[in-house]
Amino acid sequence: MTPLAWLVRRLDEAALLGVAERRALLALAPQERLVPARTDIRDGQKAGGAHLIVDGVACRAAMLPDGTRRILALYFPGDLCSTGRGAADPLPGTIEALSPCTVADIPSGTIDSLIRSHPGIERALWWLTLVELGIGQQWLINAGWEAERRIAHLICEVRARSQAAGRDMQAPGREMQAPGREMEVCFASGVRQVVIADIAALSTVHVSRVLHALQAARLITLNRGAAAVPQPAPLIAFAGFDPGYLHLPDHAARAKPEPSAGIRRDPVPWAGSNRDLGYASRT
C-alpha cells in the first residue's frame, strides 16, 4: 500500500470521506523530493500546504531558550504534516527529517481547491491535526510516569505506528534474531536514543540506562543502538499501552494483548522502584 493510499484508508475508516472525496485524494500526484537527515523539511518551500511522508521518519520539534530540543510529534510513512493553509500552520515548531526522507509536497493551492470542491476533506485535515494533538496529550500524561514505563510506552507506540503503515523499522547491519524467529525492530532509521531523550525530556545517559534496564528485564533487545521487541505482549502489558489514541485502522485491535494472556502489568521486579535499577530516576 502506498503512503497516499494508507492515508486515504485511515481517513476512510474514520468515516471522514465519501466516494468522491476518496477519489479526489487518490487522484493526487504530488511531486516527491529527497530530504537529507537533520534537515528542515519545509526549507525552501512556500508557506502552507502539506507534506506527505513517503519514506523515512520525521518529527515536529521546537527549540527551547537554553538551546535544547523538544520533539512534539513523530511522522512515519503515510503521515501528513504541516497542514496549515496559506501562511498559517496550526501547530508550533519546525518539521525535521530524523532520517533521510522522501517527501511528497501538496501545495496550499491544491488543498484549497480540494476543500472548495469537497468540504469533507477539510474536516479530514482538521481530524488529522486533532489526532496529532491527542498523541501529544498522551505524551504529556506519560511525563508523570517513571522513566522506564514512559520509554516502554513510547517503544510500543513506535512499533504500532510503523507496523500499521506496513513499514517495519529496519535495524542497521544484519537482522537481529531470536532463536528460531526474527524479532521486530523498533528504534532504528532515525528514531535513536537522542530522539527518545528529546521526546521524554530526559538526558541521553538516563535513556541509555533505562533501555539497558528494559533489556535486563527481557522486554527488549538492544543491538548497535537499535531496540528489538522479542515478545510484544509483556512490553505492552508493562507499559499499559492502549493504541486507541493513535486511531490506527485494524492494527489497534491486534496490538493489545488478550486478557487471558495472564501477563501482569508489572512483570519485572524493579517496575515499582527505580532503586532496584541502580540509579535515581529523574523526570
Protein backbone atom coordinates (compact mmCIF):
# COMPACT_ATOMS: atom_id res chain seq x y z
CA MET A 1 0.00 0.00 0.00
CA THR A 2 1.40 3.39 -0.98
CA PRO A 3 1.63 6.12 1.71
CA LEU A 4 -1.11 8.11 -0.04
CA ALA A 5 -3.40 5.06 -0.16
CA TRP A 6 -2.63 4.38 3.52
CA LEU A 7 -3.59 7.96 4.42
CA VAL A 8 -6.86 7.71 2.48
CA ARG A 9 -7.65 4.37 4.10
CA ARG A 10 -7.06 5.84 7.53
CA LEU A 11 -9.40 8.76 6.83
CA ASP A 12 -11.92 6.45 5.22
CA GLU A 13 -12.09 4.11 8.21
CA ALA A 14 -12.59 7.15 10.44
CA ALA A 15 -15.79 7.75 8.39
CA LEU A 16 -14.49 11.10 7.15
CA LEU A 17 -14.54 10.55 3.39
CA GLY A 18 -17.21 9.92 0.82
CA VAL A 19 -16.63 8.23 -2.52
CA ALA A 20 -15.92 11.50 -4.36
CA GLU A 21 -13.51 12.73 -1.68
CA ARG A 22 -11.67 9.43 -1.66
CA ARG A 23 -11.26 9.53 -5.43
CA ALA A 24 -10.10 13.16 -5.35
CA LEU A 25 -7.35 12.37 -2.85
CA LEU A 26 -6.22 9.22 -4.63
CA ALA A 27 -6.02 11.18 -7.89
CA LEU A 28 -3.33 13.44 -6.44
CA ALA A 29 0.11 13.08 -7.96
CA PRO A 30 2.30 15.16 -5.62
CA GLN A 31 5.89 15.77 -6.57
CA GLU A 32 8.35 13.78 -4.45
CA ARG A 33 11.74 15.00 -3.29
CA LEU A 34 14.55 13.72 -1.09
CA VAL A 35 15.28 15.46 2.22
CA PRO A 36 18.58 14.73 4.00
CA ALA A 37 18.57 13.74 7.65
CA ARG A 38 18.64 16.58 10.20
CA THR A 39 17.13 18.99 7.66
CA ASP A 40 14.02 21.18 7.85
CA ILE A 41 11.50 19.54 5.52
CA ARG A 42 9.95 22.92 4.68
CA ASP A 43 13.28 24.59 3.92
CA GLY A 44 12.93 26.49 0.65
CA GLN A 45 9.27 25.53 0.26
CA LYS A 46 6.43 28.01 0.09
CA ALA A 47 4.48 28.58 3.30
CA GLY A 48 1.40 26.47 3.82
CA GLY A 49 0.42 23.27 2.11
CA ALA A 50 1.09 19.79 3.38
CA HIS A 51 3.91 17.28 3.26
CA LEU A 52 3.24 13.55 2.98
CA ILE A 53 5.99 11.33 4.38
CA VAL A 54 6.65 8.70 1.72
CA ASP A 55 9.71 7.11 3.28
CA GLY A 56 11.77 7.74 6.41
CA VAL A 57 10.91 9.28 9.77
CA ALA A 58 10.36 12.96 10.55
CA CYS A 59 9.40 14.96 13.61
CA ARG A 60 7.95 18.27 14.72
CA ALA A 61 10.45 19.94 17.03
CA ALA A 62 10.84 23.18 18.95
CA MET A 63 13.99 24.73 20.37
CA LEU A 64 13.94 25.99 23.95
CA PRO A 65 15.71 29.22 25.02
CA ASP A 66 18.57 27.19 26.53
CA GLY A 67 19.24 25.53 23.16
CA THR A 68 17.75 22.13 23.97
CA ARG A 69 15.33 20.49 21.54
CA ARG A 70 11.88 19.13 22.40
CA ILE A 71 10.21 16.76 19.95
CA LEU A 72 6.46 17.38 19.82
CA ALA A 73 5.40 14.75 17.24
CA LEU A 74 6.71 11.90 15.10
CA TYR A 75 5.77 11.24 11.47
CA PHE A 76 6.01 7.87 9.72
CA PRO A 77 5.34 6.90 6.09
CA GLY A 78 1.74 7.79 5.29
CA ASP A 79 1.57 10.63 7.82
CA LEU A 80 0.66 14.13 6.67
CA CYS A 81 2.37 17.04 8.38
CA SER A 82 2.19 20.83 8.24
CA THR A 83 -1.41 21.02 7.09
CA GLY A 84 -1.65 24.79 7.53
CA ARG A 85 -3.43 26.82 4.88
CA GLY A 86 -1.73 29.91 3.48
CA ALA A 87 0.96 31.19 5.85
CA ALA A 88 -0.67 29.73 8.93
CA ASP A 89 0.40 26.46 10.50
CA PRO A 90 -1.96 25.28 13.28
CA LEU A 91 0.86 23.60 15.22
CA PRO A 92 4.15 25.07 16.52
CA GLY A 93 7.72 24.05 15.74
CA THR A 94 9.61 23.01 12.64
CA ILE A 95 9.30 19.79 10.65
CA GLU A 96 12.64 17.97 10.62
CA ALA A 97 13.82 14.80 8.91
CA LEU A 98 15.21 12.39 11.51
CA SER A 99 16.43 10.06 8.76
CA PRO A 100 16.79 10.61 5.02
CA CYS A 101 13.18 11.12 3.91
CA THR A 102 11.21 11.04 0.71
CA VAL A 103 8.53 13.72 0.96
CA ALA A 104 5.60 14.46 -1.35
CA ASP A 105 4.55 18.12 -1.30
CA ILE A 106 0.90 19.11 -1.67
CA PRO A 107 0.74 22.88 -2.35
CA SER A 108 -1.70 25.05 -0.43
CA GLY A 109 -3.45 25.91 -3.73
CA THR A 110 -4.17 22.24 -4.32
CA ILE A 111 -5.52 21.87 -0.79
CA ASP A 112 -7.72 24.96 -1.20
CA SER A 113 -9.11 23.59 -4.45
CA LEU A 114 -9.87 20.22 -2.84
CA ILE A 115 -11.59 21.89 0.09
CA ARG A 116 -13.76 24.07 -2.17
CA SER A 117 -14.88 21.03 -4.16
CA HIS A 118 -15.05 18.59 -1.23
CA PRO A 119 -15.71 20.17 2.20
CA GLY A 120 -15.29 16.75 3.81
CA ILE A 121 -11.57 16.91 3.02
CA GLU A 122 -11.23 19.98 5.25
CA ARG A 123 -12.84 18.05 8.10
CA ALA A 124 -10.40 15.21 7.45
CA LEU A 125 -7.39 17.55 7.62
CA TRP A 126 -8.56 19.00 10.92
CA TRP A 127 -9.15 15.46 12.23
CA LEU A 128 -5.52 14.64 11.46
CA THR A 129 -4.47 17.73 13.41
CA LEU A 130 -6.63 16.68 16.38
CA VAL A 131 -5.14 13.17 16.31
CA GLU A 132 -1.64 14.67 16.40
CA LEU A 133 -2.64 16.86 19.34
CA GLY A 134 -4.15 13.81 21.07
CA ILE A 135 -0.86 11.93 20.74
CA GLY A 136 0.91 14.94 22.24
CA GLN A 137 -1.53 14.88 25.16
CA GLN A 138 -0.74 11.20 25.74
CA TRP A 139 2.96 12.07 25.84
CA LEU A 140 2.13 14.78 28.40
CA ILE A 141 0.30 12.23 30.53
CA ASN A 142 3.24 9.85 30.22
CA ALA A 143 5.55 12.56 31.57
CA GLY A 144 4.11 11.83 35.02
CA TRP A 145 5.23 8.19 34.89
CA GLU A 146 8.58 6.74 35.93
CA ALA A 147 11.11 6.79 33.10
CA GLU A 148 11.11 3.03 32.37
CA ARG A 149 7.33 2.85 31.80
CA ARG A 150 7.39 6.12 29.84
CA ILE A 151 10.01 4.79 27.41
CA ALA A 152 8.36 1.36 27.20
CA HIS A 153 5.13 3.10 26.16
CA LEU A 154 6.98 5.07 23.50
CA ILE A 155 8.53 1.88 22.11
CA CYS A 156 5.04 0.38 21.87
CA GLU A 157 3.79 3.46 20.03
CA VAL A 158 6.64 3.43 17.51
CA ARG A 159 6.09 -0.27 16.91
CA ALA A 160 2.32 0.15 16.41
CA ARG A 161 2.61 3.13 14.07
CA SER A 162 5.37 1.71 11.88
CA GLN A 163 3.69 -1.69 11.60
CA ALA A 164 0.25 -0.24 10.90
CA ALA A 165 1.67 1.69 7.94
CA GLY A 166 3.30 -1.51 6.71
CA ARG A 167 6.78 -0.08 7.17
CA ASP A 168 8.54 -2.01 9.96
CA MET A 169 11.67 -0.16 11.04
CA GLN A 170 14.85 -1.85 9.88
CA ALA A 171 17.92 -2.18 12.05
CA PRO A 172 21.31 -1.23 10.67
CA GLY A 173 23.53 -4.10 9.61
CA ARG A 174 22.42 -7.68 9.88
CA GLU A 175 18.97 -8.69 11.12
CA MET A 176 18.59 -9.38 14.82
CA GLN A 177 17.08 -12.75 15.53
CA ALA A 178 15.83 -14.70 18.48
CA PRO A 179 16.26 -18.48 18.42
CA GLY A 180 14.18 -19.73 15.52
CA ARG A 181 12.45 -16.43 14.75
CA GLU A 182 13.03 -12.87 13.60
CA MET A 183 12.37 -10.06 16.06
CA GLU A 184 10.59 -6.81 15.37
CA VAL A 185 12.90 -3.84 15.21
CA CYS A 186 11.55 -0.55 16.53
CA PHE A 187 14.20 2.05 17.19
CA ALA A 188 16.26 2.46 14.05
CA SER A 189 16.26 4.56 10.89
CA GLY A 190 16.16 7.90 12.68
CA VAL A 191 14.43 7.10 15.98
CA ARG A 192 17.50 6.81 18.19
CA GLN A 193 18.30 7.36 21.86
CA VAL A 194 18.74 11.10 21.41
CA VAL A 195 15.24 11.24 19.86
CA ILE A 196 13.77 9.34 22.81
CA ALA A 197 15.51 11.79 25.13
CA ASP A 198 14.08 14.79 23.29
CA ILE A 199 10.57 13.32 23.48
CA ALA A 200 10.72 12.21 27.11
CA ALA A 201 12.70 15.27 28.36
CA LEU A 202 15.44 13.01 29.75
CA SER A 203 19.20 13.01 29.28
CA THR A 204 20.63 10.55 26.77
CA VAL A 205 22.58 8.91 29.61
CA HIS A 206 19.33 8.34 31.52
CA VAL A 207 17.64 6.95 28.42
CA SER A 208 20.55 4.56 27.85
CA ARG A 209 20.27 3.27 31.41
CA VAL A 210 16.53 2.74 31.09
CA LEU A 211 16.88 0.89 27.77
CA HIS A 212 19.50 -1.42 29.27
CA ALA A 213 17.21 -2.00 32.26
CA LEU A 214 14.37 -2.96 29.91
CA GLN A 215 16.79 -5.32 28.17
CA ALA A 216 17.82 -6.84 31.51
CA ALA A 217 14.12 -7.47 32.17
CA ARG A 218 13.92 -9.25 28.78
CA LEU A 219 11.35 -6.79 27.45
CA ILE A 220 13.56 -5.53 24.61
CA THR A 221 16.88 -6.41 22.99
CA LEU A 222 19.50 -3.82 22.04
CA ASN A 223 21.97 -4.09 19.19
CA ARG A 224 24.01 -1.23 17.72
CA GLY A 225 21.66 1.38 19.09
CA ALA A 226 18.50 -0.30 17.78
CA ALA A 227 15.84 -1.83 20.01
CA ALA A 228 14.01 -5.05 19.13
CA VAL A 229 10.89 -6.46 20.78
CA PRO A 230 11.22 -10.26 21.01
CA GLN A 231 7.76 -10.74 22.54
CA PRO A 232 5.41 -7.72 22.27
CA ALA A 233 2.82 -8.82 24.84
CA PRO A 234 4.97 -8.44 28.01
CA LEU A 235 6.17 -4.99 26.91
CA ILE A 236 2.63 -3.87 26.08
CA ALA A 237 1.39 -5.12 29.45
CA PHE A 238 4.22 -3.44 31.36
CA ALA A 239 3.68 -0.11 29.57
CA GLY A 240 -0.11 -0.27 29.93
CA PHE A 241 -0.24 0.53 26.21
CA ASP A 242 -3.68 1.04 24.66
CA PRO A 243 -3.31 2.10 20.99
CA GLY A 244 -6.76 3.68 20.78
CA TYR A 245 -5.34 7.22 20.97
CA LEU A 246 -3.40 6.58 17.73
CA HIS A 247 -6.60 5.98 15.70
CA LEU A 248 -4.96 3.32 13.53
CA PRO A 249 -7.25 1.14 11.40
CA ASP A 250 -7.24 -2.62 12.06
CA HIS A 251 -3.88 -2.72 13.82
CA ALA A 252 -5.22 -1.34 17.11
CA ALA A 253 -7.15 -4.50 17.89
CA ARG A 254 -4.10 -6.66 17.27
CA ALA A 255 -1.75 -4.51 19.35
CA LYS A 256 -3.45 -5.13 22.71
CA PRO A 257 -2.68 -8.43 24.46
CA GLU A 258 -5.58 -10.74 25.17
CA PRO A 259 -6.79 -10.57 28.80
CA SER A 260 -6.32 -14.32 29.00
CA ALA A 261 -2.61 -13.99 28.32
CA GLY A 262 -2.01 -13.96 32.07
CA ILE A 263 0.59 -11.18 31.92
CA ARG A 264 0.96 -8.98 34.96
CA ARG A 265 1.07 -5.21 34.47
CA ASP A 266 4.37 -5.14 36.40
CA PRO A 267 6.21 -8.21 35.06
CA VAL A 268 9.64 -7.22 36.34
CA PRO A 269 10.82 -6.84 39.94
CA TRP A 270 12.03 -3.26 39.52
CA ALA A 271 8.79 -1.98 37.98
CA GLY A 272 7.68 -0.23 41.15
CA SER A 273 11.06 1.01 42.36
CA ASN A 274 13.80 2.82 40.46
CA ARG A 275 16.25 2.00 43.26
CA ASP A 276 16.36 -1.58 42.01
CA LEU A 277 17.79 -0.26 38.73
CA GLY A 278 20.88 1.07 40.45
CA TYR A 279 20.26 4.75 39.72
CA ALA A 280 17.93 7.52 40.79
CA SER A 281 15.13 8.29 38.36
CA ARG A 282 14.93 11.89 37.20
CA THR A 283 11.94 13.22 35.30
